[in-house]
C-alpha atoms as a PDB file:
ATOM      1  CA  MET A   1      -0.078  -0.014  -0.020  1.00  0.00           C
ATOM      2  CA  PRO A   2       1.548   3.357  -1.079  1.00  0.00           C
ATOM      3  CA  LEU A   3       2.460   5.888   1.616  1.00  0.00           C
ATOM      4  CA  THR A   4       0.358   9.120   1.693  1.00  0.00           C
ATOM      5  CA  ARG A   5       2.485  12.200   1.403  1.00  0.00           C
ATOM      6  CA  GLN A   6       2.337  14.479   4.385  1.00  0.00           C
ATOM      7  CA  ARG A   7       0.492  17.816   3.658  1.00  0.00           C
ATOM      8  CA  VAL A   8       2.680  20.821   3.579  1.00  0.00           C
ATOM      9  CA  VAL A   9       1.266  24.039   5.095  1.00  0.00           C
ATOM     10  CA  ALA A  10       2.780  27.501   5.068  1.00  0.00           C
ATOM     11  CA  ILE A  11       1.403  30.303   7.344  1.00  0.00           C
ATOM     12  CA  THR A  12       2.406  33.909   7.562  1.00  0.00           C
ATOM     13  CA  GLY A  13       1.366  35.515  10.895  1.00  0.00           C
ATOM     14  CA  GLY A  14       1.833  32.044  12.447  1.00  0.00           C
ATOM     15  CA  THR A  15       2.825  33.427  15.817  1.00  0.00           C
ATOM     16  CA  GLY A  16      -0.171  35.807  16.127  1.00  0.00           C
ATOM     17  CA  PHE A  17      -3.438  35.657  17.864  1.00  0.00           C
ATOM     18  CA  ILE A  18      -5.203  33.772  14.977  1.00  0.00           C
ATOM     19  CA  GLY A  19      -2.173  32.270  13.193  1.00  0.00           C
ATOM     20  CA  SER A  20      -0.800  30.428  16.307  1.00  0.00           C
ATOM     21  CA  ARG A  21      -4.040  28.625  16.666  1.00  0.00           C
ATOM     22  CA  LEU A  22      -4.286  27.758  13.020  1.00  0.00           C
ATOM     23  CA  VAL A  23      -0.610  26.289  13.291  1.00  0.00           C
ATOM     24  CA  ARG A  24      -1.917  24.102  16.172  1.00  0.00           C
ATOM     25  CA  ARG A  25      -4.913  22.879  14.197  1.00  0.00           C
ATOM     26  CA  HIS A  26      -2.659  21.657  11.316  1.00  0.00           C
ATOM     27  CA  LEU A  27       0.017  20.166  13.611  1.00  0.00           C
ATOM     28  CA  ASN A  28      -2.836  18.227  15.180  1.00  0.00           C
ATOM     29  CA  LYS A  29      -3.873  16.837  11.699  1.00  0.00           C
ATOM     30  CA  GLY A  30      -0.341  15.618  11.205  1.00  0.00           C
ATOM     31  CA  ASP A  31       0.659  18.253   8.673  1.00  0.00           C
ATOM     32  CA  ALA A  32       4.127  19.686   8.146  1.00  0.00           C
ATOM     33  CA  VAL A  33       3.828  23.322   9.152  1.00  0.00           C
ATOM     34  CA  ARG A  34       6.003  26.194   8.110  1.00  0.00           C
ATOM     35  CA  ILE A  35       5.932  29.670   9.811  1.00  0.00           C
ATOM     36  CA  LEU A  36       7.137  32.821   8.269  1.00  0.00           C
ATOM     37  CA  THR A  37       8.424  35.014  11.303  1.00  0.00           C
ATOM     38  CA  ARG A  38      10.762  37.813  11.982  1.00  0.00           C
ATOM     39  CA  ARG A  39      13.581  37.251  14.376  1.00  0.00           C
ATOM     40  CA  GLY A  40      12.954  38.604  17.872  1.00  0.00           C
ATOM     41  CA  SER A  41       9.081  38.100  17.449  1.00  0.00           C
ATOM     42  CA  ARG A  42       7.486  36.409  20.203  1.00  0.00           C
ATOM     43  CA  GLN A  43       7.640  32.600  20.139  1.00  0.00           C
ATOM     44  CA  CYS A  44       5.243  30.312  21.921  1.00  0.00           C
ATOM     45  CA  GLU A  45       4.973  26.551  22.821  1.00  0.00           C
ATOM     46  CA  ILE A  46       3.019  25.724  19.605  1.00  0.00           C
ATOM     47  CA  LEU A  47       6.273  26.253  17.479  1.00  0.00           C
ATOM     48  CA  ALA A  48       7.497  22.805  18.469  1.00  0.00           C
ATOM     49  CA  GLY A  49       7.375  20.667  15.290  1.00  0.00           C
ATOM     50  CA  THR A  50       7.207  23.517  12.939  1.00  0.00           C
ATOM     51  CA  GLN A  51       9.766  24.710  10.406  1.00  0.00           C
ATOM     52  CA  LEU A  52      10.657  28.344  10.920  1.00  0.00           C
ATOM     53  CA  PHE A  53      11.527  30.759   8.049  1.00  0.00           C
ATOM     54  CA  TYR A  54      13.020  33.931   9.416  1.00  0.00           C
ATOM     55  CA  GLY A  55      12.456  36.886   7.160  1.00  0.00           C
ATOM     56  CA  ASP A  56      10.456  40.074   6.457  1.00  0.00           C
ATOM     57  CA  ILE A  57       7.459  39.838   4.137  1.00  0.00           C
ATOM     58  CA  VAL A  58       8.346  43.198   2.771  1.00  0.00           C
ATOM     59  CA  ASN A  59      12.176  42.697   2.027  1.00  0.00           C
ATOM     60  CA  ASP A  60      13.154  39.073   2.012  1.00  0.00           C
ATOM     61  CA  THR A  61      11.997  37.789  -1.300  1.00  0.00           C
ATOM     62  CA  ASP A  62      14.446  34.902  -1.308  1.00  0.00           C
ATOM     63  CA  VAL A  63      13.147  33.719   2.059  1.00  0.00           C
ATOM     64  CA  LEU A  64       9.545  33.915   0.785  1.00  0.00           C
ATOM     65  CA  ARG A  65      10.296  31.666  -2.159  1.00  0.00           C
ATOM     66  CA  ARG A  66      11.684  29.080   0.079  1.00  0.00           C
ATOM     67  CA  PHE A  67       8.864  29.350   2.414  1.00  0.00           C
ATOM     68  CA  ALA A  68       6.245  28.958  -0.337  1.00  0.00           C
ATOM     69  CA  ARG A  69       7.967  26.285  -2.349  1.00  0.00           C
ATOM     70  CA  GLY A  70       6.018  23.033  -2.484  1.00  0.00           C
ATOM     71  CA  ALA A  71       3.315  24.138  -0.026  1.00  0.00           C
ATOM     72  CA  ASP A  72      -0.106  22.507  -0.536  1.00  0.00           C
ATOM     73  CA  ILE A  73      -1.771  25.347   1.441  1.00  0.00           C
ATOM     74  CA  LEU A  74      -0.508  28.824   2.038  1.00  0.00           C
ATOM     75  CA  TYR A  75      -2.418  30.918   4.490  1.00  0.00           C
ATOM     76  CA  HIS A  76      -1.704  34.665   4.512  1.00  0.00           C
ATOM     77  CA  CYS A  77      -2.686  35.805   8.003  1.00  0.00           C
ATOM     78  CA  ALA A  78       0.134  38.351   8.476  1.00  0.00           C
ATOM     79  CA  ALA A  79      -0.988  42.134   8.785  1.00  0.00           C
ATOM     80  CA  GLU A  80      -0.075  45.308  10.345  1.00  0.00           C
ATOM     81  CA  ILE A  81      -3.050  46.936  12.154  1.00  0.00           C
ATOM     82  CA  TYR A  82      -1.444  49.001  14.784  1.00  0.00           C
ATOM     83  CA  ASP A  83       1.422  50.941  13.062  1.00  0.00           C
ATOM     84  CA  SER A  84      -0.172  53.034  10.335  1.00  0.00           C
ATOM     85  CA  THR A  85       3.197  54.056   9.032  1.00  0.00           C
ATOM     86  CA  ASN A  86       3.984  50.401   8.235  1.00  0.00           C
ATOM     87  CA  MET A  87       0.463  49.254   7.335  1.00  0.00           C
ATOM     88  CA  ASN A  88       0.672  49.684   3.460  1.00  0.00           C
ATOM     89  CA  ALA A  89       4.250  48.205   3.286  1.00  0.00           C
ATOM     90  CA  VAL A  90       3.177  44.987   5.123  1.00  0.00           C
ATOM     91  CA  THR A  91      -0.065  44.696   3.576  1.00  0.00           C
ATOM     92  CA  LEU A  92       0.303  45.730   0.000  1.00  0.00           C
ATOM     93  CA  THR A  93       4.087  45.189  -0.666  1.00  0.00           C
ATOM     94  CA  GLY A  94       4.062  42.094   1.453  1.00  0.00           C
ATOM     95  CA  THR A  95       1.032  40.564  -0.347  1.00  0.00           C
ATOM     96  CA  LYS A  96       2.543  41.328  -3.830  1.00  0.00           C
ATOM     97  CA  ASN A  97       5.854  39.790  -2.808  1.00  0.00           C
ATOM     98  CA  LEU A  98       4.293  36.685  -1.301  1.00  0.00           C
ATOM     99  CA  PHE A  99       2.145  36.303  -4.482  1.00  0.00           C
ATOM    100  CA  MET A 100       5.066  36.401  -6.744  1.00  0.00           C
ATOM    101  CA  ALA A 101       6.910  33.866  -4.504  1.00  0.00           C
ATOM    102  CA  ALA A 102       3.712  31.575  -4.371  1.00  0.00           C
ATOM    103  CA  ASN A 103       3.018  31.515  -8.017  1.00  0.00           C
ATOM    104  CA  GLY A 104       3.834  28.193  -9.457  1.00  0.00           C
ATOM    105  CA  ASN A 105       5.025  26.919  -6.063  1.00  0.00           C
ATOM    106  CA  ILE A 106       1.757  26.312  -4.059  1.00  0.00           C
ATOM    107  CA  GLY A 107      -1.539  24.512  -4.489  1.00  0.00           C
ATOM    108  CA  HIS A 108      -4.029  26.833  -2.671  1.00  0.00           C
ATOM    109  CA  TRP A 109      -3.872  30.330  -1.096  1.00  0.00           C
ATOM    110  CA  VAL A 110      -6.182  31.405   1.810  1.00  0.00           C
ATOM    111  CA  GLN A 111      -6.358  35.088   2.460  1.00  0.00           C
ATOM    112  CA  LEU A 112      -7.465  36.232   5.928  1.00  0.00           C
ATOM    113  CA  SER A 113      -9.313  39.452   5.300  1.00  0.00           C
ATOM    114  CA  SER A 114     -12.113  41.216   7.255  1.00  0.00           C
ATOM    115  CA  VAL A 115     -15.781  42.518   6.960  1.00  0.00           C
ATOM    116  CA  ALA A 116     -14.097  45.921   7.341  1.00  0.00           C
ATOM    117  CA  ILE A 117     -13.514  45.733   3.516  1.00  0.00           C
ATOM    118  CA  TYR A 118     -17.307  46.655   3.130  1.00  0.00           C
ATOM    119  CA  GLY A 119     -16.736  49.932   4.811  1.00  0.00           C
ATOM    120  CA  VAL A 120     -19.497  51.673   6.681  1.00  0.00           C
ATOM    121  CA  GLN A 121     -22.682  50.045   5.610  1.00  0.00           C
ATOM    122  CA  PRO A 122     -26.265  51.249   6.356  1.00  0.00           C
ATOM    123  CA  ALA A 123     -28.437  48.977   8.532  1.00  0.00           C
ATOM    124  CA  GLY A 124     -29.306  45.899   6.554  1.00  0.00           C
ATOM    125  CA  VAL A 125     -27.647  42.581   5.542  1.00  0.00           C
ATOM    126  CA  VAL A 126     -24.199  42.494   3.999  1.00  0.00           C
ATOM    127  CA  PHE A 127     -23.404  39.527   1.592  1.00  0.00           C
ATOM    128  CA  GLU A 128     -20.165  38.617  -0.053  1.00  0.00           C
ATOM    129  CA  ASN A 129     -20.961  40.491  -3.145  1.00  0.00           C
ATOM    130  CA  THR A 130     -22.064  43.792  -1.278  1.00  0.00           C
ATOM    131  CA  LYS A 131     -20.247  46.753  -2.923  1.00  0.00           C
ATOM    132  CA  PRO A 132     -17.722  48.433  -0.441  1.00  0.00           C
ATOM    133  CA  ASN A 133     -18.726  51.712   0.807  1.00  0.00           C
ATOM    134  CA  LEU A 134     -15.481  53.761   0.738  1.00  0.00           C
ATOM    135  CA  LYS A 135     -16.975  57.273   1.580  1.00  0.00           C
ATOM    136  CA  LYS A 136     -15.651  56.992   5.090  1.00  0.00           C
ATOM    137  CA  THR A 137     -12.779  54.565   5.071  1.00  0.00           C
ATOM    138  CA  TYR A 138     -10.131  53.751   7.733  1.00  0.00           C
ATOM    139  CA  ALA A 139      -6.515  52.873   6.706  1.00  0.00           C
ATOM    140  CA  THR A 140      -6.959  49.319   7.960  1.00  0.00           C
ATOM    141  CA  THR A 141     -10.106  49.026   5.825  1.00  0.00           C
ATOM    142  CA  LEU A 142      -8.276  50.199   2.687  1.00  0.00           C
ATOM    143  CA  SER A 143      -5.381  47.972   3.390  1.00  0.00           C
ATOM    144  CA  LYS A 144      -7.387  44.816   3.690  1.00  0.00           C
ATOM    145  CA  LEU A 145      -9.339  45.760   0.616  1.00  0.00           C
ATOM    146  CA  ASN A 146      -6.298  46.614  -1.457  1.00  0.00           C
ATOM    147  CA  ALA A 147      -4.700  43.115  -0.448  1.00  0.00           C
ATOM    148  CA  GLU A 148      -7.878  41.327  -1.640  1.00  0.00           C
ATOM    149  CA  ASN A 149      -7.669  43.257  -4.874  1.00  0.00           C
ATOM    150  CA  ILE A 150      -4.060  42.324  -5.455  1.00  0.00           C
ATOM    151  CA  LEU A 151      -4.877  38.711  -5.145  1.00  0.00           C
ATOM    152  CA  THR A 152      -8.090  38.614  -7.138  1.00  0.00           C
ATOM    153  CA  SER A 153      -6.727  40.777  -9.965  1.00  0.00           C
ATOM    154  CA  SER A 154      -3.642  38.620 -10.372  1.00  0.00           C
ATOM    155  CA  ILE A 155      -5.283  35.268  -9.909  1.00  0.00           C
ATOM    156  CA  ARG A 156      -5.880  34.768 -13.718  1.00  0.00           C
ATOM    157  CA  LYS A 157      -2.217  34.726 -14.160  1.00  0.00           C
ATOM    158  CA  SER A 158      -1.531  32.376 -11.269  1.00  0.00           C
ATOM    159  CA  GLU A 159      -1.065  28.550 -11.097  1.00  0.00           C
ATOM    160  CA  PHE A 160      -2.890  28.193  -7.854  1.00  0.00           C
ATOM    161  CA  THR A 161      -6.409  28.428  -6.385  1.00  0.00           C
ATOM    162  CA  TYR A 162      -7.631  30.819  -3.701  1.00  0.00           C
ATOM    163  CA  SER A 163     -10.154  31.557  -1.097  1.00  0.00           C
ATOM    164  CA  ILE A 164     -10.897  34.535   1.115  1.00  0.00           C
ATOM    165  CA  LEU A 165     -12.337  34.698   4.692  1.00  0.00           C
ATOM    166  CA  ARG A 166     -13.810  37.926   5.938  1.00  0.00           C
ATOM    167  CA  PRO A 167     -14.514  37.624   9.687  1.00  0.00           C
ATOM    168  CA  CYS A 168     -16.045  40.207  12.050  1.00  0.00           C
ATOM    169  CA  LYS A 169     -14.211  41.462  15.036  1.00  0.00           C
ATOM    170  CA  VAL A 170     -12.321  38.518  16.370  1.00  0.00           C
ATOM    171  CA  TYR A 171     -12.259  37.907  20.060  1.00  0.00           C
ATOM    172  CA  GLY A 172     -10.648  35.577  22.667  1.00  0.00           C
ATOM    173  CA  LYS A 173      -8.700  35.312  25.791  1.00  0.00           C
ATOM    174  CA  GLU A 174      -5.364  36.582  24.300  1.00  0.00           C
ATOM    175  CA  MET A 175      -6.660  39.376  22.107  1.00  0.00           C
ATOM    176  CA  ARG A 176      -4.692  42.561  22.068  1.00  0.00           C
ATOM    177  CA  SER A 177      -7.497  45.114  21.575  1.00  0.00           C
ATOM    178  CA  SER A 178      -8.932  46.436  24.821  1.00  0.00           C
ATOM    179  CA  SER A 179     -12.327  47.512  23.455  1.00  0.00           C
ATOM    180  CA  LEU A 180     -14.145  44.405  24.414  1.00  0.00           C
ATOM    181  CA  ARG A 181     -12.523  44.303  27.911  1.00  0.00           C
ATOM    182  CA  ASN A 182     -13.520  47.905  28.383  1.00  0.00           C
ATOM    183  CA  LEU A 183     -17.155  46.906  27.576  1.00  0.00           C
ATOM    184  CA  VAL A 184     -16.982  43.922  30.144  1.00  0.00           C
ATOM    185  CA  SER A 185     -15.674  46.450  32.763  1.00  0.00           C
ATOM    186  CA  LEU A 186     -18.515  48.926  32.180  1.00  0.00           C
ATOM    187  CA  ILE A 187     -21.070  46.174  32.578  1.00  0.00           C
ATOM    188  CA  GLU A 188     -19.361  44.817  35.743  1.00  0.00           C
ATOM    189  CA  ARG A 189     -19.437  48.247  37.305  1.00  0.00           C
ATOM    190  CA  GLY A 190     -23.101  48.861  36.261  1.00  0.00           C
ATOM    191  CA  LEU A 191     -22.047  51.744  34.027  1.00  0.00           C
ATOM    192  CA  PHE A 192     -23.192  50.318  30.704  1.00  0.00           C
ATOM    193  CA  PHE A 193     -26.266  51.602  28.994  1.00  0.00           C
ATOM    194  CA  PHE A 194     -28.113  50.863  25.619  1.00  0.00           C
ATOM    195  CA  ILE A 195     -28.429  53.595  23.042  1.00  0.00           C
ATOM    196  CA  GLY A 196     -31.380  53.982  20.868  1.00  0.00           C
ATOM    197  CA  GLN A 197     -33.864  51.313  20.032  1.00  0.00           C
ATOM    198  CA  ALA A 198     -33.203  47.575  20.451  1.00  0.00           C
ATOM    199  CA  GLY A 199     -31.763  45.674  17.532  1.00  0.00           C
ATOM    200  CA  ALA A 200     -28.064  46.803  17.249  1.00  0.00           C
ATOM    201  CA  GLN A 201     -25.770  43.934  16.294  1.00  0.00           C
ATOM    202  CA  ALA A 202     -22.815  42.547  18.156  1.00  0.00           C
ATOM    203  CA  ASN A 203     -20.443  41.896  15.175  1.00  0.00           C
ATOM    204  CA  TYR A 204     -17.940  39.510  16.857  1.00  0.00           C
ATOM    205  CA  VAL A 205     -16.611  35.979  16.210  1.00  0.00           C
ATOM    206  CA  HIS A 206     -14.538  33.861  18.560  1.00  0.00           C
ATOM    207  CA  VAL A 207     -10.887  33.156  17.353  1.00  0.00           C
ATOM    208  CA  GLU A 208     -11.391  29.298  17.406  1.00  0.00           C
ATOM    209  CA  ASN A 209     -14.433  29.721  15.131  1.00  0.00           C
ATOM    210  CA  VAL A 210     -12.300  31.817  12.694  1.00  0.00           C
ATOM    211  CA  VAL A 211      -9.473  29.014  12.764  1.00  0.00           C
ATOM    212  CA  GLU A 212     -12.305  26.507  11.876  1.00  0.00           C
ATOM    213  CA  ALA A 213     -13.463  28.544   8.999  1.00  0.00           C
ATOM    214  CA  LEU A 214      -9.808  29.087   7.782  1.00  0.00           C
ATOM    215  CA  TYR A 215      -9.146  25.303   7.998  1.00  0.00           C
ATOM    216  CA  LEU A 216     -12.227  24.534   5.881  1.00  0.00           C
ATOM    217  CA  CYS A 217     -11.209  27.312   3.322  1.00  0.00           C
ATOM    218  CA  GLY A 218      -7.828  25.713   3.156  1.00  0.00           C
ATOM    219  CA  THR A 219      -8.937  22.006   2.691  1.00  0.00           C
ATOM    220  CA  MET A 220     -12.271  22.042   1.079  1.00  0.00           C
ATOM    221  CA  GLN A 221     -12.529  22.257  -2.813  1.00  0.00           C
ATOM    222  CA  ASN A 222     -15.873  24.016  -2.581  1.00  0.00           C
ATOM    223  CA  ALA A 223     -13.964  27.052  -1.144  1.00  0.00           C
ATOM    224  CA  HIS A 224     -11.923  27.558  -4.278  1.00  0.00           C
ATOM    225  CA  GLY A 225     -12.477  30.947  -6.017  1.00  0.00           C
ATOM    226  CA  ARG A 226     -14.763  32.290  -3.245  1.00  0.00           C
ATOM    227  CA  ALA A 227     -14.995  34.759  -0.425  1.00  0.00           C
ATOM    228  CA  PHE A 228     -16.831  34.060   2.779  1.00  0.00           C
ATOM    229  CA  ASN A 229     -18.231  36.234   5.465  1.00  0.00           C
ATOM    230  CA  LEU A 230     -18.084  35.036   9.096  1.00  0.00           C
ATOM    231  CA  SER A 231     -20.054  36.336  11.973  1.00  0.00           C
ATOM    232  CA  GLU A 232     -21.703  34.970  15.073  1.00  0.00           C
ATOM    233  CA  GLY A 233     -24.721  37.279  14.174  1.00  0.00           C
ATOM    234  CA  VAL A 234     -26.250  38.032  17.621  1.00  0.00           C
ATOM    235  CA  SER A 235     -28.044  41.147  18.964  1.00  0.00           C
ATOM    236  CA  LEU A 236     -26.125  43.533  21.189  1.00  0.00           C
ATOM    237  CA  GLU A 237     -28.678  42.760  23.945  1.00  0.00           C
ATOM    238  CA  ARG A 238     -27.863  38.969  23.924  1.00  0.00           C
ATOM    239  CA  PHE A 239     -24.218  39.522  23.793  1.00  0.00           C
ATOM    240  CA  VAL A 240     -24.237  42.018  26.687  1.00  0.00           C
ATOM    241  CA  GLY A 241     -26.646  39.525  28.550  1.00  0.00           C
ATOM    242  CA  GLU A 242     -23.953  36.836  28.151  1.00  0.00           C
ATOM    243  CA  ILE A 243     -21.378  38.974  29.689  1.00  0.00           C
ATOM    244  CA  ALA A 244     -23.587  40.067  32.617  1.00  0.00           C
ATOM    245  CA  LYS A 245     -24.427  36.219  33.155  1.00  0.00           C
ATOM    246  CA  ALA A 246     -20.744  35.236  33.054  1.00  0.00           C
ATOM    247  CA  ARG A 247     -19.780  38.014  35.571  1.00  0.00           C
ATOM    248  CA  GLY A 248     -22.594  37.361  37.796  1.00  0.00           C
ATOM    249  CA  VAL A 249     -24.096  40.904  37.561  1.00  0.00           C
ATOM    250  CA  LYS A 250     -27.489  42.391  36.717  1.00  0.00           C
ATOM    251  CA  MET A 251     -28.314  42.730  33.119  1.00  0.00           C
ATOM    252  CA  PRO A 252     -28.199  46.435  32.147  1.00  0.00           C
ATOM    253  CA  SER A 253     -31.588  47.851  31.384  1.00  0.00           C
ATOM    254  CA  LEU A 254     -30.976  51.664  31.048  1.00  0.00           C
ATOM    255  CA  ARG A 255     -31.517  52.883  27.497  1.00  0.00           C
ATOM    256  CA  ILE A 256     -31.166  56.413  26.372  1.00  0.00           C
ATOM    257  CA  PRO A 257     -32.128  58.131  22.962  1.00  0.00           C
ATOM    258  CA  ARG A 258     -29.422  58.029  20.271  1.00  0.00           C
ATOM    259  CA  ARG A 259     -29.578  61.681  19.057  1.00  0.00           C
ATOM    260  CA  PRO A 260     -28.018  63.394  22.163  1.00  0.00           C
ATOM    261  CA  VAL A 261     -25.287  60.787  22.317  1.00  0.00           C
ATOM    262  CA  ASP A 262     -24.485  61.300  18.669  1.00  0.00           C
ATOM    263  CA  LEU A 263     -24.230  65.053  19.012  1.00  0.00           C
ATOM    264  CA  LEU A 264     -22.053  64.685  22.100  1.00  0.00           C
ATOM    265  CA  VAL A 265     -19.749  62.217  20.334  1.00  0.00           C
ATOM    266  CA  ASN A 266     -19.428  64.318  17.184  1.00  0.00           C
ATOM    267  CA  VAL A 267     -18.545  67.430  19.353  1.00  0.00           C
ATOM    268  CA  CYS A 268     -15.942  65.525  21.366  1.00  0.00           C
ATOM    269  CA  ALA A 269     -14.390  63.983  18.079  1.00  0.00           C
ATOM    270  CA  HIS A 270     -13.838  67.370  16.617  1.00  0.00           C
ATOM    271  CA  LEU A 271     -12.460  68.909  19.823  1.00  0.00           C
ATOM    272  CA  ILE A 272     -10.444  66.044  21.112  1.00  0.00           C
ATOM    273  CA  PRO A 273      -8.480  63.943  18.611  1.00  0.00           C
ATOM    274  CA  GLN A 274      -7.832  61.030  21.003  1.00  0.00           C
ATOM    275  CA  PHE A 275     -11.583  60.646  21.317  1.00  0.00           C
ATOM    276  CA  GLN A 276     -11.866  59.397  17.701  1.00  0.00           C
ATOM    277  CA  ASN A 277     -11.031  55.852  18.859  1.00  0.00           C
ATOM    278  CA  THR A 278     -13.844  56.053  21.358  1.00  0.00           C
ATOM    279  CA  SER A 279     -16.162  57.398  18.691  1.00  0.00           C
ATOM    280  CA  ALA A 280     -15.268  54.302  16.361  1.00  0.00           C
ATOM    281  CA  THR A 281     -15.906  51.968  19.347  1.00  0.00           C
ATOM    282  CA  LEU A 282     -19.258  53.564  19.998  1.00  0.00           C
ATOM    283  CA  ALA A 283     -20.281  53.405  16.313  1.00  0.00           C
ATOM    284  CA  GLY A 284     -19.582  49.601  16.510  1.00  0.00           C
ATOM    285  CA  LEU A 285     -22.088  49.310  19.447  1.00  0.00           C
ATOM    286  CA  LEU A 286     -24.641  51.263  17.364  1.00  0.00           C
ATOM    287  CA  SER A 287     -24.457  49.200  14.219  1.00  0.00           C
ATOM    288  CA  ARG A 288     -27.374  47.511  12.850  1.00  0.00           C
ATOM    289  CA  THR A 289     -25.520  45.841  10.049  1.00  0.00           C
ATOM    290  CA  GLN A 290     -25.679  42.179   9.760  1.00  0.00           C
ATOM    291  CA  TYR A 291     -22.937  40.102   8.069  1.00  0.00           C
ATOM    292  CA  ASN A 292     -24.612  37.119   6.494  1.00  0.00           C
ATOM    293  CA  SER A 293     -22.665  33.846   6.942  1.00  0.00           C
ATOM    294  CA  ASP A 294     -25.027  31.491   5.134  1.00  0.00           C
ATOM    295  CA  ALA A 295     -22.503  30.847   2.225  1.00  0.00           C
ATOM    296  CA  ILE A 296     -19.773  29.312   4.414  1.00  0.00           C
ATOM    297  CA  GLN A 297     -22.391  27.238   6.240  1.00  0.00           C
ATOM    298  CA  GLN A 298     -24.066  25.815   3.147  1.00  0.00           C
ATOM    299  CA  SER A 299     -20.945  25.458   0.884  1.00  0.00           C
ATOM    300  CA  LEU A 300     -18.391  24.177   3.516  1.00  0.00           C
ATOM    301  CA  ASP A 301     -20.637  22.760   6.227  1.00  0.00           C
ATOM    302  CA  TYR A 302     -19.185  25.301   8.693  1.00  0.00           C
ATOM    303  CA  GLU A 303     -20.615  25.106  12.199  1.00  0.00           C
ATOM    304  CA  ALA A 304     -19.246  27.142  15.296  1.00  0.00           C
ATOM    305  CA  ILE A 305     -17.181  25.041  17.463  1.00  0.00           C
ATOM    306  CA  VAL A 306     -17.215  27.533  20.363  1.00  0.00           C
ATOM    307  CA  SER A 307     -20.701  28.834  21.465  1.00  0.00           C
ATOM    308  CA  LEU A 308     -21.350  32.417  22.316  1.00  0.00           C
ATOM    309  CA  SER A 309     -21.545  31.541  26.028  1.00  0.00           C
ATOM    310  CA  GLU A 310     -18.429  29.370  25.810  1.00  0.00           C
ATOM    311  CA  GLY A 311     -16.587  32.217  24.000  1.00  0.00           C
ATOM    312  CA  ILE A 312     -17.424  34.939  26.627  1.00  0.00           C
ATOM    313  CA  GLN A 313     -16.362  32.379  29.272  1.00  0.00           C
ATOM    314  CA  ASP A 314     -12.938  32.027  27.388  1.00  0.00           C
ATOM    315  CA  LEU A 315     -12.546  35.897  27.188  1.00  0.00           C
ATOM    316  CA  MET A 316     -12.931  36.007  30.942  1.00  0.00           C
ATOM    317  CA  GLY A 317     -10.412  33.323  31.670  1.00  0.00           C
END
């Protein structure tokens, strides 16, 4: 009986919040896993059994070619979301370099993107073919959208297949962003209140569910040539209720009209530059946009492996 060749998986961003868990998933499946990492970046226990390629996605094209050569699946999870001065270089130049290194060398490419590429959408349902609204666009939004465009515009000249995953805001115990923890703190202290009518959406997804979706995008043929949204799709009321339940505190009930809050936020955003981050967080809590995830459920048989209540408990851990 012939031996089955070990699957080779290459992951950029493999030491990050999402990428490290994706590494673990493939190691548990018996795959040979490569990680592209910069020297001096944080290493963690899951690196045991992986092959490390030390290099910069922007500058080290020779390393990229060796990293990609012969990979059955390449996941592009690396991104710069905090340093705006380096964002375009990592996202755009890095994606171009990686594409050139991968062409003719890999079987399938999975791009980790974000629902942020749709821009600010009015209340309603966003599908994978919804046109991006670029009237009010943040740098991170443009960088993700441009990275997708690099891939899809060049794919006709490529020798590999691709798929794209667009998750909502990703949360979990080791997340770097403090916005969700700040929300938890407000609820714990009894300071949280709802704004406007009920029906705002909590557009989050647990990191382990993102990894599950990435794995399906990488290993299932039905994913080829397609993009998929990923959201847990729950109301803000339910999300806040799960946090209150997990912390053993009373469910917030105070609700105030939206208009005076909008006026106050707009004034503060103009007068206090640092307030703009708070303004963006508040906008997220007011969102009534739903990101439809039917496509990945129907085409790839995706099911969340971490429930909302389990995800909130993990965040508290």
